[in-house]
N, C-alpha and C. Protein backbone atom coordinates (compact mmCIF):
# COMPACT_ATOMS: atom_id res chain seq x y z
N MET A 1 62.21 -58.36 38.78
CA MET A 1 60.85 -57.95 39.08
C MET A 1 60.21 -57.30 37.87
N ALA A 2 60.99 -56.52 37.14
CA ALA A 2 60.48 -55.83 35.96
C ALA A 2 60.08 -56.84 34.89
N SER A 3 60.88 -57.90 34.74
CA SER A 3 60.55 -58.88 33.71
C SER A 3 59.29 -59.65 34.08
N GLU A 4 59.08 -59.90 35.35
CA GLU A 4 57.85 -60.57 35.78
C GLU A 4 56.65 -59.68 35.52
N SER A 5 56.82 -58.41 35.77
CA SER A 5 55.74 -57.44 35.53
C SER A 5 55.42 -57.37 34.03
N GLU A 6 56.44 -57.34 33.21
CA GLU A 6 56.25 -57.31 31.75
C GLU A 6 55.57 -58.60 31.27
N THR A 7 55.98 -59.72 31.81
CA THR A 7 55.38 -61.01 31.45
C THR A 7 53.92 -61.04 31.86
N LEU A 8 53.64 -60.53 33.04
CA LEU A 8 52.26 -60.49 33.53
C LEU A 8 51.40 -59.58 32.66
N LYS A 9 51.95 -58.41 32.28
CA LYS A 9 51.22 -57.49 31.39
C LYS A 9 50.95 -58.15 30.04
N LYS A 10 51.94 -58.85 29.52
CA LYS A 10 51.79 -59.55 28.23
C LYS A 10 50.71 -60.62 28.34
N ASP A 11 50.74 -61.37 29.44
CA ASP A 11 49.74 -62.43 29.65
C ASP A 11 48.32 -61.84 29.76
N VAL A 12 48.20 -60.73 30.45
CA VAL A 12 46.90 -60.07 30.60
C VAL A 12 46.39 -59.59 29.24
N GLU A 13 47.29 -59.02 28.44
CA GLU A 13 46.90 -58.56 27.10
C GLU A 13 46.47 -59.73 26.22
N GLU A 14 47.18 -60.84 26.31
CA GLU A 14 46.81 -62.04 25.55
C GLU A 14 45.45 -62.56 26.02
N LEU A 15 45.24 -62.53 27.31
CA LEU A 15 43.97 -62.97 27.87
C LEU A 15 42.83 -62.07 27.40
N ARG A 16 43.04 -60.76 27.40
CA ARG A 16 42.03 -59.82 26.90
C ARG A 16 41.72 -60.09 25.43
N ALA A 17 42.75 -60.31 24.63
CA ALA A 17 42.57 -60.59 23.21
C ALA A 17 41.78 -61.90 23.02
N ALA A 18 42.13 -62.90 23.83
CA ALA A 18 41.43 -64.19 23.73
C ALA A 18 39.96 -64.03 24.13
N ILE A 19 39.69 -63.26 25.17
CA ILE A 19 38.31 -63.03 25.62
C ILE A 19 37.54 -62.26 24.55
N GLU A 20 38.18 -61.29 23.93
CA GLU A 20 37.53 -60.51 22.86
C GLU A 20 37.19 -61.41 21.67
N THR A 21 38.12 -62.26 21.30
CA THR A 21 37.87 -63.21 20.20
C THR A 21 36.75 -64.17 20.56
N LEU A 22 36.77 -64.67 21.78
CA LEU A 22 35.74 -65.58 22.25
C LEU A 22 34.37 -64.91 22.25
N THR A 23 34.32 -63.66 22.70
CA THR A 23 33.07 -62.91 22.71
C THR A 23 32.52 -62.74 21.30
N LYS A 24 33.39 -62.41 20.36
CA LYS A 24 32.96 -62.26 18.96
C LYS A 24 32.45 -63.58 18.40
N ASP A 25 33.16 -64.67 18.71
CA ASP A 25 32.75 -65.99 18.22
C ASP A 25 31.39 -66.39 18.80
N VAL A 26 31.21 -66.16 20.08
CA VAL A 26 29.93 -66.49 20.71
C VAL A 26 28.81 -65.65 20.10
N SER A 27 29.08 -64.39 19.85
CA SER A 27 28.09 -63.51 19.22
C SER A 27 27.73 -64.01 17.82
N THR A 28 28.73 -64.39 17.06
CA THR A 28 28.50 -64.90 15.71
C THR A 28 27.68 -66.19 15.74
N ILE A 29 28.02 -67.08 16.64
CA ILE A 29 27.28 -68.35 16.77
C ILE A 29 25.84 -68.08 17.20
N SER A 30 25.67 -67.18 18.16
CA SER A 30 24.32 -66.85 18.63
C SER A 30 23.47 -66.27 17.50
N GLN A 31 24.06 -65.37 16.72
CA GLN A 31 23.34 -64.77 15.60
C GLN A 31 22.97 -65.82 14.57
N SER A 32 23.90 -66.73 14.31
CA SER A 32 23.64 -67.81 13.35
C SER A 32 22.50 -68.70 13.82
N MET A 33 22.52 -69.04 15.11
CA MET A 33 21.45 -69.88 15.65
C MET A 33 20.11 -69.15 15.62
N THR A 34 20.13 -67.87 15.94
CA THR A 34 18.90 -67.07 15.91
C THR A 34 18.33 -67.02 14.50
N ASP A 35 19.21 -66.79 13.53
CA ASP A 35 18.75 -66.75 12.13
C ASP A 35 18.16 -68.09 11.71
N GLY A 36 18.81 -69.18 12.14
CA GLY A 36 18.30 -70.51 11.80
C GLY A 36 16.93 -70.75 12.42
N LEU A 37 16.77 -70.34 13.67
CA LEU A 37 15.47 -70.53 14.33
C LEU A 37 14.40 -69.67 13.67
N LYS A 38 14.75 -68.46 13.28
CA LYS A 38 13.79 -67.60 12.58
C LYS A 38 13.35 -68.23 11.27
N ASP A 39 14.31 -68.80 10.54
CA ASP A 39 13.97 -69.46 9.28
C ASP A 39 13.05 -70.65 9.51
N LYS A 40 13.35 -71.45 10.53
CA LYS A 40 12.50 -72.61 10.83
C LYS A 40 11.10 -72.17 11.22
N ALA A 41 11.01 -71.12 12.02
CA ALA A 41 9.71 -70.62 12.45
C ALA A 41 8.92 -70.09 11.26
N ALA A 42 9.60 -69.39 10.36
CA ALA A 42 8.93 -68.87 9.17
C ALA A 42 8.41 -70.01 8.29
N ARG A 43 9.21 -71.05 8.13
CA ARG A 43 8.76 -72.20 7.32
C ARG A 43 7.58 -72.89 7.98
N ALA A 44 7.64 -73.04 9.30
CA ALA A 44 6.53 -73.68 10.01
C ALA A 44 5.26 -72.85 9.87
N ALA A 45 5.38 -71.53 9.98
CA ALA A 45 4.21 -70.66 9.82
C ALA A 45 3.66 -70.76 8.41
N ASP A 46 4.53 -70.83 7.41
CA ASP A 46 4.08 -70.98 6.02
C ASP A 46 3.33 -72.30 5.84
N ASN A 47 3.85 -73.37 6.46
CA ASN A 47 3.18 -74.67 6.36
C ASN A 47 1.80 -74.64 7.01
N VAL A 48 1.70 -73.97 8.15
CA VAL A 48 0.41 -73.88 8.84
C VAL A 48 -0.57 -73.08 7.99
N ARG A 49 -0.10 -71.95 7.43
CA ARG A 49 -0.98 -71.14 6.57
C ARG A 49 -1.45 -71.93 5.35
N GLU A 50 -0.54 -72.66 4.74
CA GLU A 50 -0.90 -73.46 3.56
C GLU A 50 -1.92 -74.54 3.93
N GLY A 51 -1.70 -75.19 5.07
CA GLY A 51 -2.65 -76.21 5.53
C GLY A 51 -4.01 -75.62 5.82
N ALA A 52 -4.04 -74.46 6.45
CA ALA A 52 -5.32 -73.80 6.75
C ALA A 52 -6.02 -73.39 5.45
N ARG A 53 -5.24 -72.89 4.50
CA ARG A 53 -5.82 -72.49 3.21
C ARG A 53 -6.42 -73.70 2.49
N ASN A 54 -5.69 -74.81 2.51
CA ASN A 54 -6.19 -76.03 1.86
C ASN A 54 -7.45 -76.54 2.54
N ALA A 55 -7.46 -76.50 3.88
CA ALA A 55 -8.64 -76.96 4.62
C ALA A 55 -9.83 -76.06 4.33
N ALA A 56 -9.61 -74.76 4.27
CA ALA A 56 -10.71 -73.83 3.97
C ALA A 56 -11.25 -74.07 2.57
N ASN A 57 -10.36 -74.30 1.62
CA ASN A 57 -10.80 -74.58 0.25
C ASN A 57 -11.61 -75.87 0.18
N GLU A 58 -11.15 -76.88 0.91
CA GLU A 58 -11.87 -78.16 0.91
C GLU A 58 -13.24 -78.03 1.57
N ILE A 59 -13.29 -77.30 2.68
CA ILE A 59 -14.58 -77.08 3.36
C ILE A 59 -15.52 -76.30 2.47
N GLY A 60 -14.99 -75.29 1.80
CA GLY A 60 -15.82 -74.50 0.88
C GLY A 60 -16.38 -75.35 -0.25
N ALA A 61 -15.53 -76.20 -0.80
CA ALA A 61 -15.97 -77.07 -1.90
C ALA A 61 -17.06 -78.04 -1.42
N LYS A 62 -16.86 -78.61 -0.24
CA LYS A 62 -17.88 -79.54 0.29
C LYS A 62 -19.17 -78.80 0.61
N GLY A 63 -19.05 -77.57 1.10
CA GLY A 63 -20.24 -76.77 1.38
C GLY A 63 -21.03 -76.47 0.10
N ARG A 64 -20.30 -76.13 -0.96
CA ARG A 64 -20.97 -75.88 -2.25
C ARG A 64 -21.64 -77.14 -2.78
N GLN A 65 -20.95 -78.29 -2.63
CA GLN A 65 -21.54 -79.55 -3.08
C GLN A 65 -22.81 -79.86 -2.30
N SER A 66 -22.78 -79.63 -1.00
CA SER A 66 -23.96 -79.89 -0.17
C SER A 66 -25.11 -78.97 -0.56
N ALA A 67 -24.81 -77.70 -0.79
CA ALA A 67 -25.85 -76.75 -1.18
C ALA A 67 -26.45 -77.15 -2.52
N GLU A 68 -25.61 -77.57 -3.45
CA GLU A 68 -26.11 -78.01 -4.76
C GLU A 68 -26.98 -79.25 -4.61
N ALA A 69 -26.59 -80.17 -3.73
CA ALA A 69 -27.37 -81.39 -3.51
C ALA A 69 -28.73 -81.04 -2.93
N VAL A 70 -28.77 -80.10 -1.97
CA VAL A 70 -30.05 -79.68 -1.38
C VAL A 70 -30.92 -79.01 -2.44
N GLU A 71 -30.32 -78.14 -3.24
CA GLU A 71 -31.10 -77.48 -4.30
C GLU A 71 -31.68 -78.48 -5.28
N GLN A 72 -30.89 -79.47 -5.65
CA GLN A 72 -31.37 -80.48 -6.59
C GLN A 72 -32.50 -81.29 -5.97
N THR A 73 -32.39 -81.63 -4.69
CA THR A 73 -33.45 -82.37 -4.01
C THR A 73 -34.73 -81.56 -3.96
N VAL A 74 -34.61 -80.27 -3.68
CA VAL A 74 -35.79 -79.40 -3.63
C VAL A 74 -36.44 -79.31 -5.02
N ARG A 75 -35.61 -79.25 -6.06
CA ARG A 75 -36.16 -79.21 -7.42
C ARG A 75 -36.86 -80.52 -7.77
N ASP A 76 -36.24 -81.64 -7.37
CA ASP A 76 -36.79 -82.95 -7.71
C ASP A 76 -38.05 -83.27 -6.89
N LYS A 77 -38.07 -82.88 -5.62
CA LYS A 77 -39.18 -83.23 -4.73
C LYS A 77 -39.62 -82.00 -3.94
N PRO A 78 -40.29 -81.06 -4.59
CA PRO A 78 -40.64 -79.81 -3.91
C PRO A 78 -41.62 -80.01 -2.75
N LEU A 79 -42.63 -80.84 -2.90
CA LEU A 79 -43.62 -81.03 -1.85
C LEU A 79 -42.99 -81.70 -0.63
N GLN A 80 -42.22 -82.74 -0.86
CA GLN A 80 -41.55 -83.44 0.24
C GLN A 80 -40.58 -82.48 0.95
N SER A 81 -39.89 -81.64 0.22
CA SER A 81 -38.96 -80.68 0.81
C SER A 81 -39.70 -79.68 1.68
N LEU A 82 -40.86 -79.24 1.22
CA LEU A 82 -41.66 -78.29 1.98
C LEU A 82 -42.13 -78.91 3.30
N VAL A 83 -42.57 -80.17 3.26
CA VAL A 83 -43.03 -80.86 4.46
C VAL A 83 -41.87 -81.04 5.44
N VAL A 84 -40.71 -81.42 4.95
CA VAL A 84 -39.53 -81.61 5.81
C VAL A 84 -39.14 -80.27 6.45
N ALA A 85 -39.14 -79.18 5.67
CA ALA A 85 -38.78 -77.87 6.20
C ALA A 85 -39.78 -77.43 7.27
N PHE A 86 -41.06 -77.68 7.02
CA PHE A 86 -42.10 -77.32 7.98
C PHE A 86 -41.90 -78.10 9.29
N GLY A 87 -41.64 -79.41 9.18
CA GLY A 87 -41.41 -80.25 10.35
C GLY A 87 -40.17 -79.80 11.13
N ALA A 88 -39.13 -79.46 10.42
CA ALA A 88 -37.91 -79.00 11.09
C ALA A 88 -38.18 -77.68 11.81
N GLY A 89 -38.97 -76.82 11.21
CA GLY A 89 -39.33 -75.55 11.85
C GLY A 89 -40.13 -75.77 13.12
N LEU A 90 -41.10 -76.69 13.07
CA LEU A 90 -41.88 -77.01 14.28
C LEU A 90 -40.99 -77.57 15.38
N LEU A 91 -40.09 -78.47 15.02
CA LEU A 91 -39.18 -79.07 16.00
C LEU A 91 -38.28 -78.00 16.63
N LEU A 92 -37.75 -77.13 15.81
CA LEU A 92 -36.89 -76.07 16.30
C LEU A 92 -37.67 -75.11 17.23
N ALA A 93 -38.90 -74.81 16.86
CA ALA A 93 -39.74 -73.93 17.69
C ALA A 93 -40.00 -74.58 19.04
N GLN A 94 -40.25 -75.88 19.07
CA GLN A 94 -40.47 -76.58 20.34
C GLN A 94 -39.22 -76.57 21.21
N LEU A 95 -38.09 -76.79 20.59
CA LEU A 95 -36.83 -76.80 21.34
C LEU A 95 -36.53 -75.41 21.94
N LEU A 96 -36.77 -74.38 21.16
CA LEU A 96 -36.49 -73.02 21.63
C LEU A 96 -37.50 -72.58 22.70
N ARG A 97 -38.71 -73.06 22.61
CA ARG A 97 -39.75 -72.68 23.56
C ARG A 97 -39.47 -73.27 24.94
N LYS A 98 -38.86 -74.45 25.01
CA LYS A 98 -38.58 -75.12 26.28
C LYS A 98 -37.49 -74.39 27.07
N ARG A 99 -36.71 -73.61 26.45
CA ARG A 99 -35.62 -72.90 27.14
C ARG A 99 -36.15 -71.67 27.70
């Protein structure tokens, strides 16, 4: 009976050691996966920021080009520009008045 008890105690100790090792391994794997996901998320966020920055730069450049084109048109055809601006103002006033 004593030897069975000793064998059982030994088996329980081995089981505890195995569970402890398994717990440590699972913790290490979980931490590794978490770190990997954090890295992927950081890279994705960097890509989104870079894309937004590029889009903003492109929009700004196109806006400047449009403004320059309008300025050049006004310089080239001042009377026609004045008539168009006046007409647009009248149209806008009519639209706002109906509301």
